[in-house]
Every structure is written in structure tokens, then in C-alpha cells.
PDB file of N, CA and C in Angstrom:
ATOM      1  N   MET A   1      25.298  99.753  54.430  1.00  0.00           N
ATOM      2  CA  MET A   1      24.887 101.542  54.599  1.00  0.00           C
ATOM      3  C   MET A   1      26.425 101.765  54.925  1.00  0.00           C
ATOM      4  N   LYS A   2      27.037 102.550  54.833  1.00  0.00           N
ATOM      5  CA  LYS A   2      28.325 103.399  55.501  1.00  0.00           C
ATOM      6  C   LYS A   2      27.338 104.533  55.630  1.00  0.00           C
ATOM      7  N   CYS A   3      27.766 105.201  56.846  1.00  0.00           N
ATOM      8  CA  CYS A   3      27.444 106.624  56.937  1.00  0.00           C
ATOM      9  C   CYS A   3      28.165 107.725  56.906  1.00  0.00           C
ATOM     10  N   ASN A   4      28.002 108.158  56.592  1.00  0.00           N
ATOM     11  CA  ASN A   4      29.060 110.035  56.899  1.00  0.00           C
ATOM     12  C   ASN A   4      28.975 110.155  58.477  1.00  0.00           C
ATOM     13  N   SER A   5      28.300 109.803  59.265  1.00  0.00           N
ATOM     14  CA  SER A   5      28.282 110.836  60.589  1.00  0.00           C
ATOM     15  C   SER A   5      28.083 110.119  61.428  1.00  0.00           C
ATOM     16  N   LEU A   6      28.687 110.529  63.085  1.00  0.00           N
ATOM     17  CA  LEU A   6      27.748 109.723  64.200  1.00  0.00           C
ATOM     18  C   LEU A   6      26.849 109.976  64.284  1.00  0.00           C
ATOM     19  N   GLU A   7      26.083 110.679  63.780  1.00  0.00           N
ATOM     20  CA  GLU A   7      24.574 111.128  63.649  1.00  0.00           C
ATOM     21  C   GLU A   7      23.644 110.345  62.757  1.00  0.00           C
ATOM     22  N   GLU A   8      24.175 109.793  61.890  1.00  0.00           N
ATOM     23  CA  GLU A   8      23.415 108.923  60.677  1.00  0.00           C
ATOM     24  C   GLU A   8      23.705 107.836  61.255  1.00  0.00           C
ATOM     25  N   VAL A   9      24.394 107.158  61.893  1.00  0.00           N
ATOM     26  CA  VAL A   9      24.524 106.158  62.784  1.00  0.00           C
ATOM     27  C   VAL A   9      24.020 105.841  63.956  1.00  0.00           C
ATOM     28  N   ARG A  10      23.833 106.313  63.894  1.00  0.00           N
ATOM     29  CA  ARG A  10      22.678 106.888  65.751  1.00  0.00           C
ATOM     30  C   ARG A  10      21.336 106.609  65.112  1.00  0.00           C
ATOM     31  N   GLU A  11      21.148 107.517  64.205  1.00  0.00           N
ATOM     32  CA  GLU A  11      19.948 107.206  63.901  1.00  0.00           C
ATOM     33  C   GLU A  11      19.490 106.228  62.970  1.00  0.00           C
ATOM     34  N   ASN A  12      20.494 105.595  62.270  1.00  0.00           N
ATOM     35  CA  ASN A  12      20.159 103.922  61.671  1.00  0.00           C
ATOM     36  C   ASN A  12      20.039 103.016  63.251  1.00  0.00           C
ATOM     37  N   ILE A  13      20.695 103.061  63.989  1.00  0.00           N
ATOM     38  CA  ILE A  13      20.722 102.132  65.134  1.00  0.00           C
ATOM     39  C   ILE A  13      18.972 102.521  65.867  1.00  0.00           C
ATOM     40  N   ASP A  14      18.574 103.823  65.870  1.00  0.00           N
ATOM     41  CA  ASP A  14      17.422 103.962  66.331  1.00  0.00           C
ATOM     42  C   ASP A  14      16.226 103.306  65.754  1.00  0.00           C
ATOM     43  N   ARG A  15      16.896 103.285  64.420  1.00  0.00           N
ATOM     44  CA  ARG A  15      15.632 102.552  63.093  1.00  0.00           C
ATOM     45  C   ARG A  15      15.265 100.996  63.624  1.00  0.00           C
ATOM     46  N   ILE A  16      17.023 100.310  63.749  1.00  0.00           N
ATOM     47  CA  ILE A  16      16.990  99.558  63.738  1.00  0.00           C
ATOM     48  C   ILE A  16      16.187  98.911  64.887  1.00  0.00           C
ATOM     49  N   ASP A  17      16.158  99.919  66.261  1.00  0.00           N
ATOM     50  CA  ASP A  17      16.126  99.498  67.499  1.00  0.00           C
ATOM     51  C   ASP A  17      14.064  99.494  67.858  1.00  0.00           C
ATOM     52  N   ASN A  18      13.775 100.194  66.929  1.00  0.00           N
ATOM     53  CA  ASN A  18      11.981 100.411  66.782  1.00  0.00           C
ATOM     54  C   ASN A  18      11.513  99.357  66.409  1.00  0.00           C
ATOM     55  N   GLU A  19      12.428  98.731  65.163  1.00  0.00           N
ATOM     56  CA  GLU A  19      11.644  98.100  64.530  1.00  0.00           C
ATOM     57  C   GLU A  19      11.842  96.358  65.655  1.00  0.00           C
ATOM     58  N   ILE A  20      13.226  96.179  65.843  1.00  0.00           N
ATOM     59  CA  ILE A  20      13.320  95.302  66.719  1.00  0.00           C
ATOM     60  C   ILE A  20      12.847  95.178  68.037  1.00  0.00           C
ATOM     61  N   ILE A  21      12.350  96.048  68.563  1.00  0.00           N
ATOM     62  CA  ILE A  21      11.185  96.531  69.572  1.00  0.00           C
ATOM     63  C   ILE A  21       9.808  95.716  68.971  1.00  0.00           C
ATOM     64  N   LYS A  22       9.155  96.541  67.965  1.00  0.00           N
ATOM     65  CA  LYS A  22       8.262  96.256  66.923  1.00  0.00           C
ATOM     66  C   LYS A  22       7.855  94.222  67.047  1.00  0.00           C
ATOM     67  N   LEU A  23       8.738  93.925  66.913  1.00  0.00           N
ATOM     68  CA  LEU A  23       8.866  92.383  66.344  1.00  0.00           C
ATOM     69  C   LEU A  23       9.294  91.341  67.823  1.00  0.00           C
ATOM     70  N   ILE A  24       9.527  92.151  68.832  1.00  0.00           N
ATOM     71  CA  ILE A  24       9.198  91.650  70.124  1.00  0.00           C
ATOM     72  C   ILE A  24       8.023  91.293  70.800  1.00  0.00           C
ATOM     73  N   ALA A  25       7.305  92.543  70.330  1.00  0.00           N
ATOM     74  CA  ALA A  25       6.029  92.686  70.967  1.00  0.00           C
ATOM     75  C   ALA A  25       5.159  92.008  70.698  1.00  0.00           C
ATOM     76  N   GLU A  26       5.225  91.568  69.213  1.00  0.00           N
ATOM     77  CA  GLU A  26       4.564  90.839  67.855  1.00  0.00           C
ATOM     78  C   GLU A  26       5.121  89.450  68.287  1.00  0.00           C
ATOM     79  N   ARG A  27       6.326  88.668  68.815  1.00  0.00           N
ATOM     80  CA  ARG A  27       6.172  88.071  69.052  1.00  0.00           C
ATOM     81  C   ARG A  27       5.829  87.290  70.586  1.00  0.00           C
ATOM     82  N   GLY A  28       5.825  88.894  71.647  1.00  0.00           N
ATOM     83  CA  GLY A  28       5.483  88.104  72.342  1.00  0.00           C
ATOM     84  C   GLY A  28       3.380  88.074  72.725  1.00  0.00           C
ATOM     85  N   THR A  29       2.923  88.555  71.378  1.00  0.00           N
ATOM     86  CA  THR A  29       1.606  88.524  71.583  1.00  0.00           C
ATOM     87  C   THR A  29       1.477  86.627  71.208  1.00  0.00           C
ATOM     88  N   TYR A  30       2.771  86.422  69.915  1.00  0.00           N
ATOM     89  CA  TYR A  30       2.018  84.911  69.351  1.00  0.00           C
ATOM     90  C   TYR A  30       2.551  83.689  71.292  1.00  0.00           C
ATOM     91  N   VAL A  31       3.451  84.432  71.620  1.00  0.00           N
ATOM     92  CA  VAL A  31       3.913  83.107  72.820  1.00  0.00           C
ATOM     93  C   VAL A  31       2.493  83.423  74.060  1.00  0.00           C
ATOM     94  N   VAL A  32       1.850  84.217  73.930  1.00  0.00           N
ATOM     95  CA  VAL A  32       1.020  84.248  74.906  1.00  0.00           C
ATOM     96  C   VAL A  32      -0.253  83.617  74.457  1.00  0.00           C
ATOM     97  N   GLN A  33       0.366  83.199  72.662  1.00  0.00           N
ATOM     98  CA  GLN A  33      -1.394  82.374  72.531  1.00  0.00           C
ATOM     99  C   GLN A  33      -1.078  81.183  72.200  1.00  0.00           C
ATOM    100  N   ALA A  34       0.014  80.826  72.641  1.00  0.00           N
ATOM    101  CA  ALA A  34       0.764  79.590  72.225  1.00  0.00           C
ATOM    102  C   ALA A  34       0.394  78.879  73.921  1.00  0.00           C
ATOM    103  N   SER A  35       0.574  79.520  74.799  1.00  0.00           N
ATOM    104  CA  SER A  35      -0.312  78.732  76.557  1.00  0.00           C
ATOM    105  C   SER A  35      -1.044  78.219  76.203  1.00  0.00           C
ATOM    106  N   ALA A  36      -2.331  79.075  74.953  1.00  0.00           N
ATOM    107  CA  ALA A  36      -3.771  78.328  74.818  1.00  0.00           C
ATOM    108  C   ALA A  36      -3.790  76.725  74.595  1.00  0.00           C
ATOM    109  N   PHE A  37      -2.742  76.318  74.135  1.00  0.00           N
ATOM    110  CA  PHE A  37      -2.720  75.009  73.323  1.00  0.00           C
ATOM    111  C   PHE A  37      -1.638  73.951  74.118  1.00  0.00           C
ATOM    112  N   LYS A  38      -1.005  74.501  75.397  1.00  0.00           N
ATOM    113  CA  LYS A  38      -0.171  73.579  75.811  1.00  0.00           C
ATOM    114  C   LYS A  38      -1.084  72.975  76.940  1.00  0.00           C
ATOM    115  N   LYS A  39      -0.596  72.051  77.274  1.00  0.00           N
ATOM    116  CA  LYS A  39      -1.105  70.818  78.001  1.00  0.00           C
ATOM    117  C   LYS A  39      -0.417  70.677  79.877  1.00  0.00           C
ATOM    118  N   SER A  40       0.552  71.258  79.852  1.00  0.00           N
ATOM    119  CA  SER A  40       1.174  71.242  80.843  1.00  0.00           C
ATOM    120  C   SER A  40       2.106  72.265  81.452  1.00  0.00           C
ATOM    121  N   GLU A  41       2.880  72.584  82.472  1.00  0.00           N
ATOM    122  CA  GLU A  41       3.731  73.803  83.010  1.00  0.00           C
ATOM    123  C   GLU A  41       5.036  73.178  82.057  1.00  0.00           C
ATOM    124  N   ASP A  42       5.583  71.742  81.810  1.00  0.00           N
ATOM    125  CA  ASP A  42       6.240  70.905  81.217  1.00  0.00           C
ATOM    126  C   ASP A  42       6.136  71.251  79.515  1.00  0.00           C
ATOM    127  N   GLY A  43       4.971  71.441  79.048  1.00  0.00           N
ATOM    128  CA  GLY A  43       5.041  71.926  77.930  1.00  0.00           C
ATOM    129  C   GLY A  43       5.048  73.633  77.624  1.00  0.00           C
ATOM    130  N   VAL A  44       4.637  74.493  78.576  1.00  0.00           N
ATOM    131  CA  VAL A  44       5.116  75.529  78.076  1.00  0.00           C
ATOM    132  C   VAL A  44       7.036  75.793  78.374  1.00  0.00           C
ATOM    133  N   LYS A  45       7.751  74.462  79.366  1.00  0.00           N
ATOM    134  CA  LYS A  45       8.903  75.570  79.514  1.00  0.00           C
ATOM    135  C   LYS A  45       9.630  74.517  77.982  1.00  0.00           C
ATOM    136  N   ASP A  46       9.065  74.111  77.554  1.00  0.00           N
ATOM    137  CA  ASP A  46       9.575  72.724  76.600  1.00  0.00           C
ATOM    138  C   ASP A  46      11.222  72.855  76.167  1.00  0.00           C
ATOM    139  N   PRO A  47      12.219  72.806  77.114  1.00  0.00           N
ATOM    140  CA  PRO A  47      13.574  72.740  76.447  1.00  0.00           C
ATOM    141  C   PRO A  47      13.838  71.969  75.073  1.00  0.00           C
ATOM    142  N   ASN A  48      13.578  71.188  74.847  1.00  0.00           N
ATOM    143  CA  ASN A  48      13.472  70.701  73.294  1.00  0.00           C
ATOM    144  C   ASN A  48      13.316  72.049  72.458  1.00  0.00           C
ATOM    145  N   ARG A  49      12.258  72.291  72.578  1.00  0.00           N
ATOM    146  CA  ARG A  49      12.099  73.596  71.743  1.00  0.00           C
ATOM    147  C   ARG A  49      12.931  74.760  71.886  1.00  0.00           C
ATOM    148  N   VAL A  50      13.044  75.126  72.849  1.00  0.00           N
ATOM    149  CA  VAL A  50      14.469  76.168  73.215  1.00  0.00           C
ATOM    150  C   VAL A  50      15.537  75.748  72.647  1.00  0.00           C
ATOM    151  N   GLU A  51      15.999  74.799  72.296  1.00  0.00           N
ATOM    152  CA  GLU A  51      17.389  74.280  71.767  1.00  0.00           C
ATOM    153  C   GLU A  51      16.882  73.938  70.672  1.00  0.00           C
ATOM    154  N   ALA A  52      16.052  74.074  69.974  1.00  0.00           N
ATOM    155  CA  ALA A  52      15.692  73.885  68.697  1.00  0.00           C
ATOM    156  C   ALA A  52      16.034  75.422  67.760  1.00  0.00           C
ATOM    157  N   VAL A  53      15.358  75.828  68.694  1.00  0.00           N
ATOM    158  CA  VAL A  53      15.231  77.685  68.790  1.00  0.00           C
ATOM    159  C   VAL A  53      16.708  78.589  68.671  1.00  0.00           C
ATOM    160  N   ILE A  54      17.198  77.624  69.756  1.00  0.00           N
ATOM    161  CA  ILE A  54      18.455  78.273  69.566  1.00  0.00           C
ATOM    162  C   ILE A  54      19.899  77.729  68.184  1.00  0.00           C
ATOM    163  N   LYS A  55      18.996  76.826  67.974  1.00  0.00           N
ATOM    164  CA  LYS A  55      20.200  76.390  66.665  1.00  0.00           C
ATOM    165  C   LYS A  55      19.533  76.852  65.579  1.00  0.00           C
ATOM    166  N   LYS A  56      18.404  77.232  65.654  1.00  0.00           N
ATOM    167  CA  LYS A  56      18.086  78.208  64.261  1.00  0.00           C
ATOM    168  C   LYS A  56      18.559  79.230  64.799  1.00  0.00           C
ATOM    169  N   VAL A  57      18.609  80.504  65.559  1.00  0.00           N
ATOM    170  CA  VAL A  57      18.805  81.166  65.268  1.00  0.00           C
ATOM    171  C   VAL A  57      20.625  81.238  65.412  1.00  0.00           C
ATOM    172  N   ARG A  58      21.064  80.360  65.851  1.00  0.00           N
ATOM    173  CA  ARG A  58      22.744  80.370  65.769  1.00  0.00           C
ATOM    174  C   ARG A  58      22.965  80.089  64.104  1.00  0.00           C
ATOM    175  N   GLU A  59      22.275  79.615  63.124  1.00  0.00           N
ATOM    176  CA  GLU A  59      22.385  79.412  62.075  1.00  0.00           C
ATOM    177  C   GLU A  59      21.949  80.236  61.273  1.00  0.00           C
ATOM    178  N   LYS A  60      20.933  81.603  61.447  1.00  0.00           N
ATOM    179  CA  LYS A  60      20.620  82.347  60.850  1.00  0.00           C
ATOM    180  C   LYS A  60      21.474  83.877  61.041  1.00  0.00           C
ATOM    181  N   ALA A  61      22.152  83.466  62.370  1.00  0.00           N
ATOM    182  CA  ALA A  61      23.402  84.494  62.589  1.00  0.00           C
ATOM    183  C   ALA A  61      24.330  83.915  62.154  1.00  0.00           C
ATOM    184  N   LEU A  62      24.956  82.918  61.983  1.00  0.00           N
ATOM    185  CA  LEU A  62      25.959  83.071  60.554  1.00  0.00           C
ATOM    186  C   LEU A  62      25.728  82.835  59.480  1.00  0.00           C
ATOM    187  N   GLU A  63      24.271  82.858  59.252  1.00  0.00           N
ATOM    188  CA  GLU A  63      24.229  83.199  57.417  1.00  0.00           C
ATOM    189  C   GLU A  63      24.043  84.670  57.300  1.00  0.00           C
ATOM    190  N   TYR A  64      23.919  84.869  57.940  1.00  0.00           N
ATOM    191  CA  TYR A  64      23.508  86.650  58.104  1.00  0.00           C
ATOM    192  C   TYR A  64      24.799  87.569  57.997  1.00  0.00           C
ATOM    193  N   GLY A  65      25.824  86.789  59.289  1.00  0.00           N
ATOM    194  CA  GLY A  65      27.224  87.615  59.782  1.00  0.00           C
ATOM    195  C   GLY A  65      27.278  88.230  60.929  1.00  0.00           C
ATOM    196  N   ALA A  66      26.009  87.693  61.764  1.00  0.00           N
ATOM    197  CA  ALA A  66      26.685  88.151  63.250  1.00  0.00           C
ATOM    198  C   ALA A  66      27.055  87.320  64.053  1.00  0.00           C
ATOM    199  N   ASN A  67      27.661  87.853  65.628  1.00  0.00           N
ATOM    200  CA  ASN A  67      28.377  86.884  66.100  1.00  0.00           C
ATOM    201  C   ASN A  67      27.250  85.602  66.816  1.00  0.00           C
ATOM    202  N   ALA A  68      27.438  84.792  66.754  1.00  0.00           N
ATOM    203  CA  ALA A  68      26.196  83.888  66.765  1.00  0.00           C
ATOM    204  C   ALA A  68      25.965  83.418  68.552  1.00  0.00           C
ATOM    205  N   ASP A  69      27.477  83.717  68.943  1.00  0.00           N
ATOM    206  CA  ASP A  69      27.062  84.174  71.003  1.00  0.00           C
ATOM    207  C   ASP A  69      26.641  84.602  71.154  1.00  0.00           C
ATOM    208  N   MET A  70      26.391  86.175  70.579  1.00  0.00           N
ATOM    209  CA  MET A  70      25.745  86.982  70.824  1.00  0.00           C
ATOM    210  C   MET A  70      24.463  86.958  70.680  1.00  0.00           C
ATOM    211  N   VAL A  71      24.324  86.356  69.528  1.00  0.00           N
ATOM    212  CA  VAL A  71      22.863  86.057  69.327  1.00  0.00           C
ATOM    213  C   VAL A  71      22.185  84.869  70.301  1.00  0.00           C
ATOM    214  N   GLU A  72      23.065  83.930  70.373  1.00  0.00           N
ATOM    215  CA  GLU A  72      22.462  83.060  70.935  1.00  0.00           C
ATOM    216  C   GLU A  72      22.074  83.515  72.959  1.00  0.00           C
ATOM    217  N   ALA A  73      23.170  84.118  72.930  1.00  0.00           N
ATOM    218  CA  ALA A  73      22.767  84.769  74.268  1.00  0.00           C
ATOM    219  C   ALA A  73      21.770  86.015  74.601  1.00  0.00           C
ATOM    220  N   LEU A  74      21.222  86.475  73.725  1.00  0.00           N
ATOM    221  CA  LEU A  74      20.052  87.310  73.528  1.00  0.00           C
ATOM    222  C   LEU A  74      18.971  86.620  73.666  1.00  0.00           C
ATOM    223  N   TYR A  75      18.869  85.822  72.504  1.00  0.00           N
ATOM    224  CA  TYR A  75      17.391  84.882  72.830  1.00  0.00           C
ATOM    225  C   TYR A  75      17.584  84.205  74.049  1.00  0.00           C
ATOM    226  N   ARG A  76      18.362  83.457  74.443  1.00  0.00           N
ATOM    227  CA  ARG A  76      18.364  82.733  75.807  1.00  0.00           C
ATOM    228  C   ARG A  76      17.935  83.580  76.675  1.00  0.00           C
ATOM    229  N   GLU A  77      18.019  84.759  76.975  1.00  0.00           N
ATOM    230  CA  GLU A  77      17.280  85.628  77.649  1.00  0.00           C
ATOM    231  C   GLU A  77      15.950  86.165  77.296  1.00  0.00           C
ATOM    232  N   MET A  78      15.968  86.337  76.052  1.00  0.00           N
ATOM    233  CA  MET A  78      14.501  86.718  75.439  1.00  0.00           C
ATOM    234  C   MET A  78      13.436  85.481  75.919  1.00  0.00           C
ATOM    235  N   ILE A  79      13.993  84.311  75.483  1.00  0.00           N
ATOM    236  CA  ILE A  79      12.691  82.840  75.387  1.00  0.00           C
ATOM    237  C   ILE A  79      13.149  83.052  77.242  1.00  0.00           C
ATOM    238  N   SER A  80      13.546  82.711  78.069  1.00  0.00           N
ATOM    239  CA  SER A  80      13.968  82.813  79.685  1.00  0.00           C
ATOM    240  C   SER A  80      12.418  83.401  79.684  1.00  0.00           C
ATOM    241  N   ARG A  81      12.588  85.119  79.867  1.00  0.00           N
ATOM    242  CA  ARG A  81      11.482  85.798  79.598  1.00  0.00           C
ATOM    243  C   ARG A  81      10.252  85.761  79.220  1.00  0.00           C
ATOM    244  N   PHE A  82      10.017  84.854  77.780  1.00  0.00           N
ATOM    245  CA  PHE A  82       8.670  84.675  77.052  1.00  0.00           C
ATOM    246  C   PHE A  82       8.433  83.608  78.157  1.00  0.00           C
ATOM    247  N   VAL A  83       9.075  82.400  78.462  1.00  0.00           N
ATOM    248  CA  VAL A  83       8.444  81.535  79.140  1.00  0.00           C
ATOM    249  C   VAL A  83       7.800  81.762  80.429  1.00  0.00           C
ATOM    250  N   SER A  84       8.351  82.942  81.105  1.00  0.00           N
ATOM    251  CA  SER A  84       8.400  83.190  82.507  1.00  0.00           C
ATOM    252  C   SER A  84       6.695  83.789  81.997  1.00  0.00           C
ATOM    253  N   MET A  85       6.457  84.501  81.043  1.00  0.00           N
ATOM    254  CA  MET A  85       5.048  85.495  80.560  1.00  0.00           C
ATOM    255  C   MET A  85       4.473  84.197  80.300  1.00  0.00           C
ATOM    256  N   GLU A  86       4.838  83.588  79.627  1.00  0.00           N
ATOM    257  CA  GLU A  86       3.760  82.440  78.758  1.00  0.00           C
ATOM    258  C   GLU A  86       3.160  81.194  80.125  1.00  0.00           C
ATOM    259  N   MET A  87       4.064  81.618  81.401  1.00  0.00           N
ATOM    260  CA  MET A  87       3.808  80.585  82.416  1.00  0.00           C
ATOM    261  C   MET A  87       2.957  81.523  82.908  1.00  0.00           C
ATOM    262  N   ASP A  88       3.342  82.931  83.587  1.00  0.00           N
ATOM    263  CA  ASP A  88       1.406  83.336  84.419  1.00  0.00           C
ATOM    264  C   ASP A  88       0.422  83.105  83.542  1.00  0.00           C
ATOM    265  N   ASP A  89       0.476  82.948  81.610  1.00  0.00           N
ATOM    266  CA  ASP A  89      -0.769  83.662  81.321  1.00  0.00           C
ATOM    267  C   ASP A  89      -1.076  81.979  81.277  1.00  0.00           C
ATOM    268  N   PHE A  90      -0.478  80.734  81.452  1.00  0.00           N
ATOM    269  CA  PHE A  90      -0.763  79.317  81.365  1.00  0.00           C
ATOM    270  C   PHE A  90      -1.622  79.002  82.896  1.00  0.00           C
ATOM    271  N   LYS A  91      -1.028  79.629  83.853  1.00  0.00           N
ATOM    272  CA  LYS A  91      -1.286  79.570  85.340  1.00  0.00           C
ATOM    273  C   LYS A  91      -2.706  80.203  85.440  1.00  0.00           C
ATOM    274  N   ARG A  92      -2.994  81.238  84.928  1.00  0.00           N
ATOM    275  CA  ARG A  92      -4.375  82.211  85.053  1.00  0.00           C
ATOM    276  C   ARG A  92      -5.460  81.026  84.271  1.00  0.00           C
ATOM    277  N   LYS A  93      -4.397  80.191  83.433  1.00  0.00           N
ATOM    278  CA  LYS A  93      -5.845  79.846  82.314  1.00  0.00           C
ATOM    279  C   LYS A  93      -6.709  78.196  82.561  1.00  0.00           C
ATOM    280  N   HIS A  94      -5.127  77.912  83.915  1.00  0.00           N
ATOM    281  CA  HIS A  94      -5.696  76.487  84.158  1.00  0.00           C
ATOM    282  C   HIS A  94      -5.507  76.823  85.635  1.00  0.00           C
TER     283      HIS A  94
END
């Protein structure tokens, strides 16, 4: 979509940010649920799963025309934060 003003650009960025934040919140609810199915702290960390997710999001980034390195960096940070959140939940339950 071609914007005709900086205001229009910012409105679209704000709209997208709102959707991204809603999706991050939704993802977080599933991350916390996942801890109930895991048997150990190693299962929470699961580096093989992390790398599988990274591979998948890099492929999606390329498919959608996004910068794959930036997407990977964002996901690595997000996953790290979610793993910490999931670990806290796992420890409380076990």
C-alpha cells in the first residue's frame, strides 16, 4: 500500500504494531500452557525446537520479503524471553 503522507505511514505502523502485540500476547498464553506438558527444565529450553522455529521463521521471512537476519534476531530475543517466562511457570508447577 502506497501512503500519501507521513501521518498515513505512522497510522499504518501503529495499526500493525497493535496486531503484533496482540499476537505476542496470544503466543505467550500458549507458551505458558506448554510448560504443563514438559517433564524437565531441559524440555522447556529445548534447543532443537528453538532452531526449528528459527529455520521456519527465516523461510517465512524470505517468502514475505522481510529481512531474514532481522526476523531471526527478533525471534531469538522473543524466544529467549518466552523460555524464561515458561521456565518460571514450570518451576512454580513442579
